[in-house]
Amino acid sequence: MRTVDGRVAGRRGQATRQKLLDCLSEMLSSSPYRDVKVIDVARKAGTSPATFYQYFPDVEGAVLEIAEQMAAEGAGLAELLEGRTWTGKSGWQTAQELVNGFLDFWRRNDAILRVVDLGAAEGDKRFYKIRMKILNSVNNSLADSIAELQSKGRVDKDVNPAAVAGSLVAMLAAVAGHQKGFSSWGVKQAELKPNLALLVHLGVTGKKPLK
């Protein structure tokens, strides 16, 4: 791990760098992204702005580092579908576990994901690539699952696996980012998950799940 000027960071330097990222993550959960200043992050971490600039060019650079770490974790969402089946009662379990894992991941990383979504919406290709890295991990696995069912005659031949998978992932992302808002509609988290899993199961298999 290197500093901005190319020097190799030692153990203490790496610890300081990570502490700055942890403090920034915490601040993003309670402050608008553009209101966060280098001096505030440094103060919270118990160090100086000069030290911050040893590791990051600016707040945005540090935010991108957090986002990249989060995206690496998000790539693991594909594991929710590895070796899983969408037939019979096991198919219902697959849908539930995908929804649970997806929503939990979004909730844990809510603050940084809001920044990533904002940057992507504004056309920043760096944030867009990070967002797609996360979504693609699920999208590609879902598309493969639908294509496999289609090859076995269990899904209509006119279905486009990529289109269906992309639509389902977009729905999951939108719902995951709006989890707190469902309470204002009288929907509890315990009610949201099974109903979302139902939609996912219907989308993948074209059938109601066996429970």
C-alpha atoms as a PDB file:
ATOM      1  CA  MET A   1       0.000   0.000   0.000  1.00  0.00           C
ATOM      2  CA  ARG A   2       1.472   3.336  -1.070  1.00  0.00           C
ATOM      3  CA  THR A   3       0.989   6.958  -0.097  1.00  0.00           C
ATOM      4  CA  VAL A   4      -0.037   9.661  -2.576  1.00  0.00           C
ATOM      5  CA  ASP A   5       3.604  10.438  -3.344  1.00  0.00           C
ATOM      6  CA  GLY A   6       4.408   6.785  -4.014  1.00  0.00           C
ATOM      7  CA  ARG A   7       6.075   5.794  -0.744  1.00  0.00           C
ATOM      8  CA  VAL A   8       5.250   2.396   0.745  1.00  0.00           C
ATOM      9  CA  ALA A   9       3.117   2.806   3.853  1.00  0.00           C
ATOM     10  CA  GLY A  10       4.309   0.930   6.918  1.00  0.00           C
ATOM     11  CA  ARG A  11       2.128  -0.852   9.431  1.00  0.00           C
ATOM     12  CA  ARG A  12       1.358   2.328  11.373  1.00  0.00           C
ATOM     13  CA  GLY A  13       0.690   4.200   8.163  1.00  0.00           C
ATOM     14  CA  GLN A  14      -1.733   1.525   6.985  1.00  0.00           C
ATOM     15  CA  ALA A  15      -3.510   1.650  10.343  1.00  0.00           C
ATOM     16  CA  THR A  16      -3.806   5.449  10.112  1.00  0.00           C
ATOM     17  CA  ARG A  17      -5.103   5.199   6.559  1.00  0.00           C
ATOM     18  CA  GLN A  18      -7.759   2.687   7.566  1.00  0.00           C
ATOM     19  CA  LYS A  19      -8.777   4.792  10.564  1.00  0.00           C
ATOM     20  CA  LEU A  20      -9.321   7.764   8.253  1.00  0.00           C
ATOM     21  CA  LEU A  21     -11.529   5.600   6.016  1.00  0.00           C
ATOM     22  CA  ASP A  22     -13.482   4.285   9.013  1.00  0.00           C
ATOM     23  CA  CYS A  23     -14.088   7.798  10.315  1.00  0.00           C
ATOM     24  CA  LEU A  24     -15.158   8.997   6.883  1.00  0.00           C
ATOM     25  CA  SER A  25     -17.587   6.062   6.582  1.00  0.00           C
ATOM     26  CA  GLU A  26     -19.103   6.965   9.931  1.00  0.00           C
ATOM     27  CA  MET A  27     -19.474  10.603   8.927  1.00  0.00           C
ATOM     28  CA  LEU A  28     -21.180   9.693   5.652  1.00  0.00           C
ATOM     29  CA  SER A  29     -23.905   7.948   7.628  1.00  0.00           C
ATOM     30  CA  SER A  30     -24.919  11.206   9.292  1.00  0.00           C
ATOM     31  CA  SER A  31     -23.757  14.003   6.951  1.00  0.00           C
ATOM     32  CA  PRO A  32     -24.368  14.808   3.276  1.00  0.00           C
ATOM     33  CA  TYR A  33     -21.406  13.657   1.180  1.00  0.00           C
ATOM     34  CA  ARG A  34     -20.482  17.136  -0.075  1.00  0.00           C
ATOM     35  CA  ASP A  35     -20.592  18.616   3.424  1.00  0.00           C
ATOM     36  CA  VAL A  36     -17.777  16.375   4.655  1.00  0.00           C
ATOM     37  CA  LYS A  37     -14.433  18.223   4.771  1.00  0.00           C
ATOM     38  CA  VAL A  38     -10.903  16.901   5.065  1.00  0.00           C
ATOM     39  CA  ILE A  39     -10.298  18.810   8.289  1.00  0.00           C
ATOM     40  CA  ASP A  40     -13.379  17.207   9.870  1.00  0.00           C
ATOM     41  CA  VAL A  41     -12.311  13.694   8.906  1.00  0.00           C
ATOM     42  CA  ALA A  42      -8.778  14.298  10.172  1.00  0.00           C
ATOM     43  CA  ARG A  43     -10.032  15.733  13.451  1.00  0.00           C
ATOM     44  CA  LYS A  44     -12.358  12.787  14.022  1.00  0.00           C
ATOM     45  CA  ALA A  45      -9.464  10.402  13.349  1.00  0.00           C
ATOM     46  CA  GLY A  46      -7.245  12.278  15.783  1.00  0.00           C
ATOM     47  CA  THR A  47      -4.760  13.392  13.150  1.00  0.00           C
ATOM     48  CA  SER A  48      -4.118  16.340  10.809  1.00  0.00           C
ATOM     49  CA  PRO A  49      -5.239  17.314   7.288  1.00  0.00           C
ATOM     50  CA  ALA A  50      -1.602  16.952   6.213  1.00  0.00           C
ATOM     51  CA  THR A  51      -1.713  13.303   7.243  1.00  0.00           C
ATOM     52  CA  PHE A  52      -4.980  12.803   5.354  1.00  0.00           C
ATOM     53  CA  TYR A  53      -3.383  14.174   2.180  1.00  0.00           C
ATOM     54  CA  GLN A  54      -0.540  11.687   2.528  1.00  0.00           C
ATOM     55  CA  TYR A  55      -2.997   8.919   1.718  1.00  0.00           C
ATOM     56  CA  PHE A  56      -5.786  10.515  -0.318  1.00  0.00           C
ATOM     57  CA  PRO A  57      -5.904  13.393  -2.822  1.00  0.00           C
ATOM     58  CA  ASP A  58      -9.242  14.635  -1.409  1.00  0.00           C
ATOM     59  CA  VAL A  59     -12.445  13.448   0.252  1.00  0.00           C
ATOM     60  CA  GLU A  60     -13.756  12.102  -3.039  1.00  0.00           C
ATOM     61  CA  GLY A  61     -10.650   9.971  -3.461  1.00  0.00           C
ATOM     62  CA  ALA A  62     -11.174   8.475  -0.022  1.00  0.00           C
ATOM     63  CA  VAL A  63     -14.866   7.903  -0.750  1.00  0.00           C
ATOM     64  CA  LEU A  64     -13.939   6.010  -3.904  1.00  0.00           C
ATOM     65  CA  GLU A  65     -11.588   3.830  -1.861  1.00  0.00           C
ATOM     66  CA  ILE A  66     -14.430   2.955   0.536  1.00  0.00           C
ATOM     67  CA  ALA A  67     -16.698   2.291  -2.430  1.00  0.00           C
ATOM     68  CA  GLU A  68     -14.171  -0.053  -4.022  1.00  0.00           C
ATOM     69  CA  GLN A  69     -13.852  -2.018  -0.774  1.00  0.00           C
ATOM     70  CA  MET A  70     -17.626  -2.229  -0.564  1.00  0.00           C
ATOM     71  CA  ALA A  71     -17.879  -3.357  -4.209  1.00  0.00           C
ATOM     72  CA  ALA A  72     -15.408  -6.155  -3.523  1.00  0.00           C
ATOM     73  CA  GLU A  73     -17.698  -7.336  -0.735  1.00  0.00           C
ATOM     74  CA  GLY A  74     -20.714  -6.925  -3.011  1.00  0.00           C
ATOM     75  CA  ALA A  75     -19.202  -9.261  -5.583  1.00  0.00           C
ATOM     76  CA  GLY A  76     -19.773 -11.978  -2.989  1.00  0.00           C
ATOM     77  CA  LEU A  77     -23.533 -11.649  -3.489  1.00  0.00           C
ATOM     78  CA  ALA A  78     -23.119 -14.039  -6.418  1.00  0.00           C
ATOM     79  CA  GLU A  79     -22.397 -16.751  -3.849  1.00  0.00           C
ATOM     80  CA  LEU A  80     -26.064 -16.575  -2.834  1.00  0.00           C
ATOM     81  CA  LEU A  81     -26.873 -18.229  -6.169  1.00  0.00           C
ATOM     82  CA  GLU A  82     -23.935 -20.582  -6.643  1.00  0.00           C
ATOM     83  CA  GLY A  83     -25.007 -24.191  -6.878  1.00  0.00           C
ATOM     84  CA  ARG A  84     -28.598 -23.288  -6.022  1.00  0.00           C
ATOM     85  CA  THR A  85     -31.729 -24.622  -7.684  1.00  0.00           C
ATOM     86  CA  TRP A  86     -34.913 -22.786  -8.639  1.00  0.00           C
ATOM     87  CA  THR A  87     -37.122 -25.872  -8.780  1.00  0.00           C
ATOM     88  CA  GLY A  88     -39.549 -27.145  -6.163  1.00  0.00           C
ATOM     89  CA  LYS A  89     -39.441 -25.961  -2.572  1.00  0.00           C
ATOM     90  CA  SER A  90     -35.702 -25.312  -2.912  1.00  0.00           C
ATOM     91  CA  GLY A  91     -36.512 -22.607  -5.456  1.00  0.00           C
ATOM     92  CA  TRP A  92     -38.500 -20.694  -2.853  1.00  0.00           C
ATOM     93  CA  GLN A  93     -35.594 -20.955  -0.413  1.00  0.00           C
ATOM     94  CA  THR A  94     -33.208 -19.663  -3.085  1.00  0.00           C
ATOM     95  CA  ALA A  95     -35.408 -16.627  -3.728  1.00  0.00           C
ATOM     96  CA  GLN A  96     -35.714 -15.869  -0.017  1.00  0.00           C
ATOM     97  CA  GLU A  97     -32.001 -16.136   0.652  1.00  0.00           C
ATOM     98  CA  LEU A  98     -31.180 -13.923  -2.339  1.00  0.00           C
ATOM     99  CA  VAL A  99     -33.575 -11.234  -1.118  1.00  0.00           C
ATOM    100  CA  ASN A 100     -32.346 -11.473   2.478  1.00  0.00           C
ATOM    101  CA  GLY A 101     -28.701 -11.251   1.448  1.00  0.00           C
ATOM    102  CA  PHE A 102     -29.285  -8.403  -0.980  1.00  0.00           C
ATOM    103  CA  LEU A 103     -31.284  -6.277   1.448  1.00  0.00           C
ATOM    104  CA  ASP A 104     -28.874  -6.956   4.303  1.00  0.00           C
ATOM    105  CA  PHE A 105     -25.891  -5.945   2.162  1.00  0.00           C
ATOM    106  CA  TRP A 106     -27.629  -2.697   1.151  1.00  0.00           C
ATOM    107  CA  ARG A 107     -28.579  -1.907   4.739  1.00  0.00           C
ATOM    108  CA  ARG A 108     -25.016  -2.457   6.011  1.00  0.00           C
ATOM    109  CA  ASN A 109     -23.578  -0.215   3.302  1.00  0.00           C
ATOM    110  CA  ASP A 110     -26.422   2.274   3.018  1.00  0.00           C
ATOM    111  CA  ALA A 111     -24.313   5.418   3.494  1.00  0.00           C
ATOM    112  CA  ILE A 112     -21.672   4.680   0.851  1.00  0.00           C
ATOM    113  CA  LEU A 113     -24.228   3.235  -1.566  1.00  0.00           C
ATOM    114  CA  ARG A 114     -26.164   6.505  -1.454  1.00  0.00           C
ATOM    115  CA  VAL A 115     -22.980   8.325  -2.497  1.00  0.00           C
ATOM    116  CA  VAL A 116     -22.299   5.769  -5.251  1.00  0.00           C
ATOM    117  CA  ASP A 117     -25.858   6.110  -6.569  1.00  0.00           C
ATOM    118  CA  LEU A 118     -25.576   9.894  -6.540  1.00  0.00           C
ATOM    119  CA  GLY A 119     -22.291   9.870  -8.412  1.00  0.00           C
ATOM    120  CA  ALA A 120     -23.578   7.348 -10.951  1.00  0.00           C
ATOM    121  CA  ALA A 121     -26.766   9.369 -11.499  1.00  0.00           C
ATOM    122  CA  GLU A 122     -24.667  12.467 -12.143  1.00  0.00           C
ATOM    123  CA  GLY A 123     -22.701  10.651 -14.834  1.00  0.00           C
ATOM    124  CA  ASP A 124     -19.470   9.981 -12.938  1.00  0.00           C
ATOM    125  CA  LYS A 125     -18.122   6.874 -14.680  1.00  0.00           C
ATOM    126  CA  ARG A 126     -16.050   5.857 -11.654  1.00  0.00           C
ATOM    127  CA  PHE A 127     -19.107   5.550  -9.441  1.00  0.00           C
ATOM    128  CA  TYR A 128     -21.130   4.019 -12.284  1.00  0.00           C
ATOM    129  CA  LYS A 129     -18.566   1.226 -12.725  1.00  0.00           C
ATOM    130  CA  ILE A 130     -18.607   0.500  -8.991  1.00  0.00           C
ATOM    131  CA  ARG A 131     -22.399   0.308  -8.956  1.00  0.00           C
ATOM    132  CA  MET A 132     -22.449  -2.023 -11.956  1.00  0.00           C
ATOM    133  CA  LYS A 133     -19.751  -4.212 -10.415  1.00  0.00           C
ATOM    134  CA  ILE A 134     -22.076  -4.869  -7.484  1.00  0.00           C
ATOM    135  CA  LEU A 135     -25.211  -5.403  -9.560  1.00  0.00           C
ATOM    136  CA  ASN A 136     -23.496  -7.529 -12.210  1.00  0.00           C
ATOM    137  CA  SER A 137     -22.493 -10.101  -9.610  1.00  0.00           C
ATOM    138  CA  VAL A 138     -26.187 -10.919  -9.125  1.00  0.00           C
ATOM    139  CA  ASN A 139     -27.401 -10.078 -12.637  1.00  0.00           C
ATOM    140  CA  ASN A 140     -25.096 -12.521 -14.408  1.00  0.00           C
ATOM    141  CA  SER A 141     -25.908 -15.364 -12.023  1.00  0.00           C
ATOM    142  CA  LEU A 142     -29.646 -14.753 -12.366  1.00  0.00           C
ATOM    143  CA  ALA A 143     -29.423 -14.628 -16.165  1.00  0.00           C
ATOM    144  CA  ASP A 144     -27.537 -17.940 -16.159  1.00  0.00           C
ATOM    145  CA  SER A 145     -30.185 -19.500 -13.906  1.00  0.00           C
ATOM    146  CA  ILE A 146     -33.020 -18.371 -16.182  1.00  0.00           C
ATOM    147  CA  ALA A 147     -31.176 -19.550 -19.291  1.00  0.00           C
ATOM    148  CA  GLU A 148     -30.625 -22.961 -17.680  1.00  0.00           C
ATOM    149  CA  LEU A 149     -34.323 -23.308 -16.833  1.00  0.00           C
ATOM    150  CA  GLN A 150     -35.151 -22.219 -20.371  1.00  0.00           C
ATOM    151  CA  SER A 151     -32.866 -24.883 -21.863  1.00  0.00           C
ATOM    152  CA  LYS A 152     -34.767 -27.508 -19.865  1.00  0.00           C
ATOM    153  CA  GLY A 153     -38.135 -26.237 -21.103  1.00  0.00           C
ATOM    154  CA  ARG A 154     -39.156 -24.845 -17.727  1.00  0.00           C
ATOM    155  CA  VAL A 155     -39.192 -21.217 -18.868  1.00  0.00           C
ATOM    156  CA  ASP A 156     -40.904 -19.910 -21.994  1.00  0.00           C
ATOM    157  CA  LYS A 157     -38.598 -19.798 -25.013  1.00  0.00           C
ATOM    158  CA  ASP A 158     -39.577 -16.187 -25.754  1.00  0.00           C
ATOM    159  CA  VAL A 159     -38.159 -14.965 -22.439  1.00  0.00           C
ATOM    160  CA  ASN A 160     -34.907 -12.998 -22.679  1.00  0.00           C
ATOM    161  CA  PRO A 161     -32.831 -14.149 -19.657  1.00  0.00           C
ATOM    162  CA  ALA A 162     -30.657 -11.010 -19.604  1.00  0.00           C
ATOM    163  CA  ALA A 163     -33.667  -8.684 -19.775  1.00  0.00           C
ATOM    164  CA  VAL A 164     -35.524 -10.482 -16.987  1.00  0.00           C
ATOM    165  CA  ALA A 165     -32.430 -10.715 -14.795  1.00  0.00           C
ATOM    166  CA  GLY A 166     -31.632  -7.035 -15.318  1.00  0.00           C
ATOM    167  CA  SER A 167     -35.189  -6.042 -14.451  1.00  0.00           C
ATOM    168  CA  LEU A 168     -35.161  -8.125 -11.269  1.00  0.00           C
ATOM    169  CA  VAL A 169     -31.798  -6.737 -10.143  1.00  0.00           C
ATOM    170  CA  ALA A 170     -32.950  -3.168 -10.821  1.00  0.00           C
ATOM    171  CA  MET A 171     -36.038  -3.879  -8.729  1.00  0.00           C
ATOM    172  CA  LEU A 172     -33.954  -5.339  -5.901  1.00  0.00           C
ATOM    173  CA  ALA A 173     -31.641  -2.313  -5.899  1.00  0.00           C
ATOM    174  CA  ALA A 174     -34.537   0.148  -5.904  1.00  0.00           C
ATOM    175  CA  VAL A 175     -36.327  -1.645  -3.058  1.00  0.00           C
ATOM    176  CA  ALA A 176     -33.101  -2.079  -1.091  1.00  0.00           C
ATOM    177  CA  GLY A 177     -32.374   1.634  -1.314  1.00  0.00           C
ATOM    178  CA  HIS A 178     -35.892   2.484  -0.154  1.00  0.00           C
ATOM    179  CA  GLN A 179     -36.206   0.067   2.773  1.00  0.00           C
ATOM    180  CA  LYS A 180     -36.818   2.793   5.357  1.00  0.00           C
ATOM    181  CA  GLY A 181     -39.500   4.368   3.183  1.00  0.00           C
ATOM    182  CA  PHE A 182     -41.698   1.277   3.202  1.00  0.00           C
ATOM    183  CA  SER A 183     -42.635   1.910   6.817  1.00  0.00           C
ATOM    184  CA  SER A 184     -44.403   5.114   5.732  1.00  0.00           C
ATOM    185  CA  TRP A 185     -46.596   2.912   3.519  1.00  0.00           C
ATOM    186  CA  GLY A 186     -47.421   0.644   6.411  1.00  0.00           C
ATOM    187  CA  VAL A 187     -45.131  -2.153   5.208  1.00  0.00           C
ATOM    188  CA  LYS A 188     -43.005  -3.868   7.844  1.00  0.00           C
ATOM    189  CA  GLN A 189     -39.592  -5.363   7.042  1.00  0.00           C
ATOM    190  CA  ALA A 190     -40.916  -8.820   7.933  1.00  0.00           C
ATOM    191  CA  GLU A 191     -43.649  -8.359   5.307  1.00  0.00           C
ATOM    192  CA  LEU A 192     -41.401  -6.841   2.662  1.00  0.00           C
ATOM    193  CA  LYS A 193     -38.937  -9.724   2.320  1.00  0.00           C
ATOM    194  CA  PRO A 194     -41.339 -12.595   1.510  1.00  0.00           C
ATOM    195  CA  ASN A 195     -43.322 -10.478  -0.938  1.00  0.00           C
ATOM    196  CA  LEU A 196     -40.152  -9.358  -2.704  1.00  0.00           C
ATOM    197  CA  ALA A 197     -38.953 -12.972  -2.786  1.00  0.00           C
ATOM    198  CA  LEU A 198     -42.273 -13.924  -4.396  1.00  0.00           C
ATOM    199  CA  LEU A 199     -41.699 -11.415  -7.199  1.00  0.00           C
ATOM    200  CA  VAL A 200     -38.151 -12.677  -7.727  1.00  0.00           C
ATOM    201  CA  HIS A 201     -39.316 -16.303  -7.868  1.00  0.00           C
ATOM    202  CA  LEU A 202     -42.084 -15.435 -10.334  1.00  0.00           C
ATOM    203  CA  GLY A 203     -39.617 -13.484 -12.455  1.00  0.00           C
ATOM    204  CA  VAL A 204     -37.067 -16.293 -12.627  1.00  0.00           C
ATOM    205  CA  THR A 205     -39.362 -19.303 -12.983  1.00  0.00           C
ATOM    206  CA  GLY A 206     -42.643 -17.832 -14.206  1.00  0.00           C
ATOM    207  CA  LYS A 207     -44.395 -19.807 -11.481  1.00  0.00           C
ATOM    208  CA  LYS A 208     -45.621 -19.370  -7.923  1.00  0.00           C
ATOM    209  CA  PRO A 209     -43.264 -20.987  -5.420  1.00  0.00           C
ATOM    210  CA  LEU A 210     -43.926 -24.259  -3.641  1.00  0.00           C
ATOM    211  CA  LYS A 211     -43.798 -23.574   0.101  1.00  0.00           C
END
